[in-house]
Structure formats: structure tokens, C-alpha cells
C-alpha atoms as a PDB file:
ATOM      1  CA  MET A   1     -11.483 -19.281  11.447  1.00  0.00           C
ATOM      2  CA  GLY A   2     -12.435 -18.681   7.889  1.00  0.00           C
ATOM      3  CA  THR A   3     -11.361 -15.979   5.531  1.00  0.00           C
ATOM      4  CA  TYR A   4     -13.539 -12.902   5.891  1.00  0.00           C
ATOM      5  CA  TYR A   5     -14.744 -10.178   3.597  1.00  0.00           C
ATOM      6  CA  ASN A   6     -15.520  -6.914   5.340  1.00  0.00           C
ATOM      7  CA  PRO A   7     -16.105  -3.244   4.896  1.00  0.00           C
ATOM      8  CA  GLY A   8     -12.608  -1.819   5.313  1.00  0.00           C
ATOM      9  CA  THR A   9     -13.811   1.074   7.423  1.00  0.00           C
ATOM     10  CA  GLU A  10     -14.944  -1.336  10.131  1.00  0.00           C
ATOM     11  CA  VAL A  11     -11.550  -3.029  10.222  1.00  0.00           C
ATOM     12  CA  GLN A  12      -9.897   0.385  10.375  1.00  0.00           C
ATOM     13  CA  THR A  13     -12.100   1.236  13.370  1.00  0.00           C
ATOM     14  CA  VAL A  14     -11.498  -1.942  15.393  1.00  0.00           C
ATOM     15  CA  GLY A  15      -7.953  -2.640  14.180  1.00  0.00           C
ATOM     16  CA  ARG A  16      -4.477  -1.265  14.787  1.00  0.00           C
ATOM     17  CA  LYS A  17      -2.573  -0.096  11.677  1.00  0.00           C
ATOM     18  CA  LEU A  18       0.639  -1.984  10.962  1.00  0.00           C
ATOM     19  CA  ASN A  19       3.758  -0.895   9.100  1.00  0.00           C
ATOM     20  CA  ASP A  20       4.659  -2.714   5.897  1.00  0.00           C
ATOM     21  CA  LYS A  21       6.892  -2.266   2.873  1.00  0.00           C
ATOM     22  CA  GLY A  22       4.096  -0.928   0.691  1.00  0.00           C
ATOM     23  CA  PRO A  23       1.253  -2.152  -1.524  1.00  0.00           C
ATOM     24  CA  ASP A  24       3.405  -4.185  -3.892  1.00  0.00           C
ATOM     25  CA  GLY A  25       6.127  -5.507  -1.591  1.00  0.00           C
ATOM     26  CA  SER A  26       4.409  -6.408   1.659  1.00  0.00           C
ATOM     27  CA  ASP A  27       6.444  -8.706   3.861  1.00  0.00           C
ATOM     28  CA  TYR A  28       4.177 -11.352   5.417  1.00  0.00           C
ATOM     29  CA  GLU A  29       6.649 -12.343   8.149  1.00  0.00           C
ATOM     30  CA  LYS A  30       7.236  -8.705   9.090  1.00  0.00           C
ATOM     31  CA  LEU A  31       3.489  -8.121   9.321  1.00  0.00           C
ATOM     32  CA  MET A  32       2.892 -11.261  11.408  1.00  0.00           C
ATOM     33  CA  ALA A  33       5.696 -10.282  13.790  1.00  0.00           C
ATOM     34  CA  GLN A  34       3.776  -7.106  14.679  1.00  0.00           C
ATOM     35  CA  LEU A  35       0.701  -8.991  15.902  1.00  0.00           C
ATOM     36  CA  GLN A  36       0.105  -9.138  19.630  1.00  0.00           C
ATOM     37  CA  GLU A  37      -1.552 -11.933  21.572  1.00  0.00           C
ATOM     38  CA  GLY A  38      -5.127 -12.452  20.392  1.00  0.00           C
ATOM     39  CA  GLU A  39      -4.840 -10.461  17.163  1.00  0.00           C
ATOM     40  CA  VAL A  40      -5.268 -11.561  13.546  1.00  0.00           C
ATOM     41  CA  LEU A  41      -4.022  -9.902  10.360  1.00  0.00           C
ATOM     42  CA  PHE A  42      -6.363  -8.104   7.963  1.00  0.00           C
ATOM     43  CA  GLY A  43      -5.522  -6.313   4.745  1.00  0.00           C
ATOM     44  CA  VAL A  44      -7.694  -3.487   3.466  1.00  0.00           C
ATOM     45  CA  VAL A  45      -8.015  -3.200  -0.292  1.00  0.00           C
ATOM     46  CA  ASP A  46      -9.600  -0.926  -2.847  1.00  0.00           C
ATOM     47  CA  VAL A  47     -11.210  -3.189  -5.446  1.00  0.00           C
ATOM     48  CA  PHE A  48     -12.068  -2.323  -9.043  1.00  0.00           C
ATOM     49  CA  VAL A  49     -14.153  -4.897 -10.899  1.00  0.00           C
ATOM     50  CA  ALA A  50     -17.074  -4.503 -13.319  1.00  0.00           C
ATOM     51  CA  GLU A  51     -18.427  -1.778 -11.058  1.00  0.00           C
ATOM     52  CA  ARG A  52     -16.784   0.149  -8.268  1.00  0.00           C
ATOM     53  CA  ASN A  53     -16.987  -1.754  -4.986  1.00  0.00           C
ATOM     54  CA  PRO A  54     -16.502  -0.284  -1.534  1.00  0.00           C
ATOM     55  CA  VAL A  55     -13.181  -0.842   0.193  1.00  0.00           C
ATOM     56  CA  ARG A  56     -12.958  -4.417   1.508  1.00  0.00           C
ATOM     57  CA  ALA A  57     -10.793  -6.216   4.008  1.00  0.00           C
ATOM     58  CA  MET A  58      -9.639  -9.789   4.174  1.00  0.00           C
ATOM     59  CA  HIS A  59      -8.376 -11.907   7.037  1.00  0.00           C
ATOM     60  CA  ILE A  60      -4.889 -13.028   6.039  1.00  0.00           C
ATOM     61  CA  GLN A  61      -3.934 -16.445   7.379  1.00  0.00           C
ATOM     62  CA  SER A  62      -0.976 -17.209   5.148  1.00  0.00           C
ATOM     63  CA  GLN A  63       1.415 -15.835   2.564  1.00  0.00           C
ATOM     64  CA  ASP A  64      -0.940 -17.285  -0.054  1.00  0.00           C
ATOM     65  CA  ASP A  65      -3.784 -15.110   1.227  1.00  0.00           C
ATOM     66  CA  LEU A  66      -1.540 -12.082   0.808  1.00  0.00           C
ATOM     67  CA  THR A  67      -0.858 -12.877  -2.836  1.00  0.00           C
ATOM     68  CA  GLY A  68      -2.710 -15.375  -5.032  1.00  0.00           C
ATOM     69  CA  THR A  69      -5.896 -15.806  -3.034  1.00  0.00           C
ATOM     70  CA  TRP A  70      -6.774 -12.134  -3.276  1.00  0.00           C
ATOM     71  CA  ARG A  71      -6.524 -12.232  -7.061  1.00  0.00           C
ATOM     72  CA  ALA A  72      -8.595 -15.389  -7.225  1.00  0.00           C
ATOM     73  CA  HIS A  73     -11.466 -13.875  -5.222  1.00  0.00           C
ATOM     74  CA  TRP A  74     -11.556 -10.539  -6.997  1.00  0.00           C
ATOM     75  CA  GLN A  75     -10.601 -11.214 -10.580  1.00  0.00           C
ATOM     76  CA  GLY A  76      -9.796  -7.654 -11.328  1.00  0.00           C
ATOM     77  CA  TYR A  77      -7.543  -4.876 -10.220  1.00  0.00           C
ATOM     78  CA  TYR A  78      -7.040  -4.220  -6.540  1.00  0.00           C
ATOM     79  CA  LYS A  79      -4.776  -1.976  -4.508  1.00  0.00           C
ATOM     80  CA  ILE A  80      -3.764  -2.783  -0.942  1.00  0.00           C
ATOM     81  CA  LEU A  81      -4.435   0.272   1.210  1.00  0.00           C
ATOM     82  CA  GLY A  82      -3.066  -1.015   4.489  1.00  0.00           C
ATOM     83  CA  PHE A  83      -2.735  -3.820   7.003  1.00  0.00           C
ATOM     84  CA  TYR A  84      -4.382  -3.988  10.400  1.00  0.00           C
ATOM     85  CA  ALA A  85      -4.123  -6.095  13.537  1.00  0.00           C
ATOM     86  CA  VAL A  86      -7.709  -6.909  14.547  1.00  0.00           C
ATOM     87  CA  PRO A  87      -8.646  -8.527  17.872  1.00  0.00           C
ATOM     88  CA  ARG A  88      -9.614 -12.154  17.214  1.00  0.00           C
ATOM     89  CA  THR A  89     -12.810 -11.681  19.226  1.00  0.00           C
ATOM     90  CA  LYS A  90     -13.909  -8.890  16.858  1.00  0.00           C
ATOM     91  CA  ALA A  91     -13.014 -10.982  13.812  1.00  0.00           C
ATOM     92  CA  GLU A  92     -14.986 -13.950  15.180  1.00  0.00           C
ATOM     93  CA  GLN A  93     -18.013 -11.712  15.756  1.00  0.00           C
ATOM     94  CA  GLY A  94     -17.843 -11.217  12.007  1.00  0.00           C
ATOM     95  CA  CYS A  95     -16.698  -7.738  11.070  1.00  0.00           C
ATOM     96  CA  GLY A  96     -18.473  -8.775   7.865  1.00  0.00           C
ATOM     97  CA  SER A  97     -19.743 -11.803   5.999  1.00  0.00           C
ATOM     98  CA  ARG A  98     -17.746 -14.819   4.851  1.00  0.00           C
ATOM     99  CA  LEU A  99     -16.485 -15.006   1.329  1.00  0.00           C
ATOM    100  CA  PRO A 100     -18.633 -17.221  -0.897  1.00  0.00           C
END
């Protein structure tokens, strides 16, 4: 699977909200441990760049996705709003389009 870029509201609709330590201290292992069979981890973020973008979500495959990769894709300020377990089948149907 690739890394996805989605409207956050769609992920919030198809996903199950997970508990985490908060926007700045999210524990990747703790988040992964909450996934059930057939689910993948998405994070929903509020992104501020040159112009205001809608809330987006990203499929998190690794600790790197949770930290550095997000900054690399959206070179600007972002705030993590929450983490969701999304059924893999929904993610594969493309809750959104792939990142460039």
C-alpha cells in the first residue's frame, strides 16, 4: 500500500478513533497495538500552508510517517487532530488520492 492523502472527514466516517498521548507526544507502538485485524493507521491533521487547506489524513506505516514524513510533505505548520483505525479494504478503495 502507498501513503494516502485524504479528506479527514472521510477517514473519521469510516475509521475508529484511537487513544493517544496527544498531538505532540503520540506513541506509535501504542497506536499500532490498538489496531484490529485488517485495519491500518491513519492520522488526521489540520494543515496550514500558503493558504488554508482542508483537514487531511495520512496512512501511517511507520514511526517515520508519524514524524518526519509529515513535515516533508507539508512544509508548513500542521496539528494532529486524531488517529483512526481504518479498514484496509476502505483504504485500498482510496479514501482519497495518493500523495504526489
